[in-house]
Protein backbone atom coordinates (compact mmCIF):
# COMPACT_ATOMS: atom_id res chain seq x y z
CA MET A 1 -39.53 44.65 10.12
CA THR A 2 -43.06 45.11 8.83
CA ILE A 3 -45.64 42.32 8.47
CA THR A 4 -49.42 42.21 8.33
CA PHE A 5 -51.25 41.22 11.49
CA ASN A 6 -52.91 38.33 9.67
CA GLU A 7 -49.52 37.00 8.50
CA LEU A 8 -48.17 37.21 12.04
CA ARG A 9 -51.20 35.31 13.41
CA LYS A 10 -50.89 32.68 10.65
CA ILE A 11 -47.29 32.03 11.69
CA LYS A 12 -48.34 31.69 15.35
CA ASP A 13 -51.18 29.35 14.41
CA SER A 14 -48.78 27.20 12.35
CA LEU A 15 -46.48 26.55 15.31
CA PRO A 16 -46.56 23.03 16.74
CA SER A 17 -47.76 22.56 20.29
CA GLY A 18 -45.20 23.67 22.87
CA SER A 19 -43.38 26.06 20.54
CA ILE A 20 -44.35 29.21 22.45
CA LYS A 21 -42.87 27.75 25.65
CA LYS A 22 -39.76 26.59 23.77
CA ILE A 23 -39.15 30.06 22.31
CA ALA A 24 -39.78 31.65 25.70
CA ALA A 25 -37.30 29.33 27.43
CA GLU A 26 -34.59 29.92 24.83
CA LEU A 27 -34.95 33.70 25.12
CA ASN A 28 -35.51 33.75 28.89
CA LEU A 29 -38.99 35.29 28.49
CA THR A 30 -42.40 34.29 29.79
CA ALA A 31 -44.70 32.37 27.46
CA GLU A 32 -47.20 35.25 27.76
CA THR A 33 -44.59 37.70 26.51
CA VAL A 34 -44.08 35.54 23.42
CA ARG A 35 -47.86 35.32 22.94
CA ASN A 36 -48.03 39.14 23.23
CA TYR A 37 -45.50 39.33 20.38
CA PHE A 38 -48.00 37.46 18.21
CA GLY A 39 -50.86 39.81 19.06
CA GLY A 40 -51.83 38.76 22.56
CA CYS A 41 -52.52 41.34 25.24
CA ASN A 42 -51.85 39.69 28.61
CA TYR A 43 -49.64 42.27 30.28
CA LYS A 44 -50.31 40.92 33.77
CA ASP A 45 -48.21 37.80 33.13
CA GLY A 46 -46.22 39.03 30.12
CA THR A 47 -44.60 42.21 28.91
CA ALA A 48 -44.67 44.30 25.75
CA VAL A 49 -42.04 43.32 23.22
CA GLY A 50 -41.71 46.12 20.69
CA VAL A 51 -44.74 45.35 18.56
CA HIS A 52 -46.57 48.30 17.04
CA ILE A 53 -49.92 47.67 15.32
CA GLU A 54 -51.56 50.11 12.93
CA GLN A 55 -55.14 49.54 11.76
CA GLY A 56 -55.61 48.70 8.12
CA PRO A 57 -56.46 45.99 5.60
CA ASP A 58 -55.45 42.38 6.23
CA GLY A 59 -55.62 42.94 9.98
CA GLY A 60 -53.40 46.00 9.85
CA ILE A 61 -49.67 46.50 9.71
CA VAL A 62 -47.37 45.32 12.47
CA VAL A 63 -43.95 46.88 12.93
CA LEU A 64 -41.58 44.66 14.90
CA ASP A 65 -38.64 46.32 16.66
CA ASP A 66 -36.86 42.95 16.90
CA ASP A 67 -37.59 39.95 14.68
CA THR A 68 -35.78 37.32 16.79
CA ILE A 69 -39.00 35.65 17.95
CA LEU A 70 -40.38 35.69 14.40
CA LYS A 71 -37.20 34.08 13.01
CA MET A 72 -37.31 31.39 15.69
CA ALA A 73 -40.97 30.68 14.93
CA LYS A 74 -40.28 30.40 11.19
CA ALA A 75 -37.34 28.04 11.87
CA ILE A 76 -39.59 25.80 13.99
CA ILE A 77 -42.22 25.74 11.24
CA ASP A 78 -39.59 24.95 8.59
CA GLU A 79 -38.24 22.11 10.76
CA LYS A 80 -41.78 20.76 11.26
CA ASN A 81 -42.39 20.81 7.50
CA LEU A 82 -39.18 18.86 6.79
CA ASN A 83 -40.28 15.97 9.00
């Protein structure tokens, strides 16, 4: 899947408090690994997760090898907006 870096960061910033830890727990990942998915770079406490960033307009293009975390984040945001 391809998304702009700014779109990816907007999704992360729209998540309610605790969502990163919730996603991490459900996928058996560290919270830092989930943060790295959204553009973080803490590889001491987290791992890389198949995110490839190319420089360009709108923050650049991000190619995601697996969109599971992104889908979970969008579902959390949709749920938040329904309440």
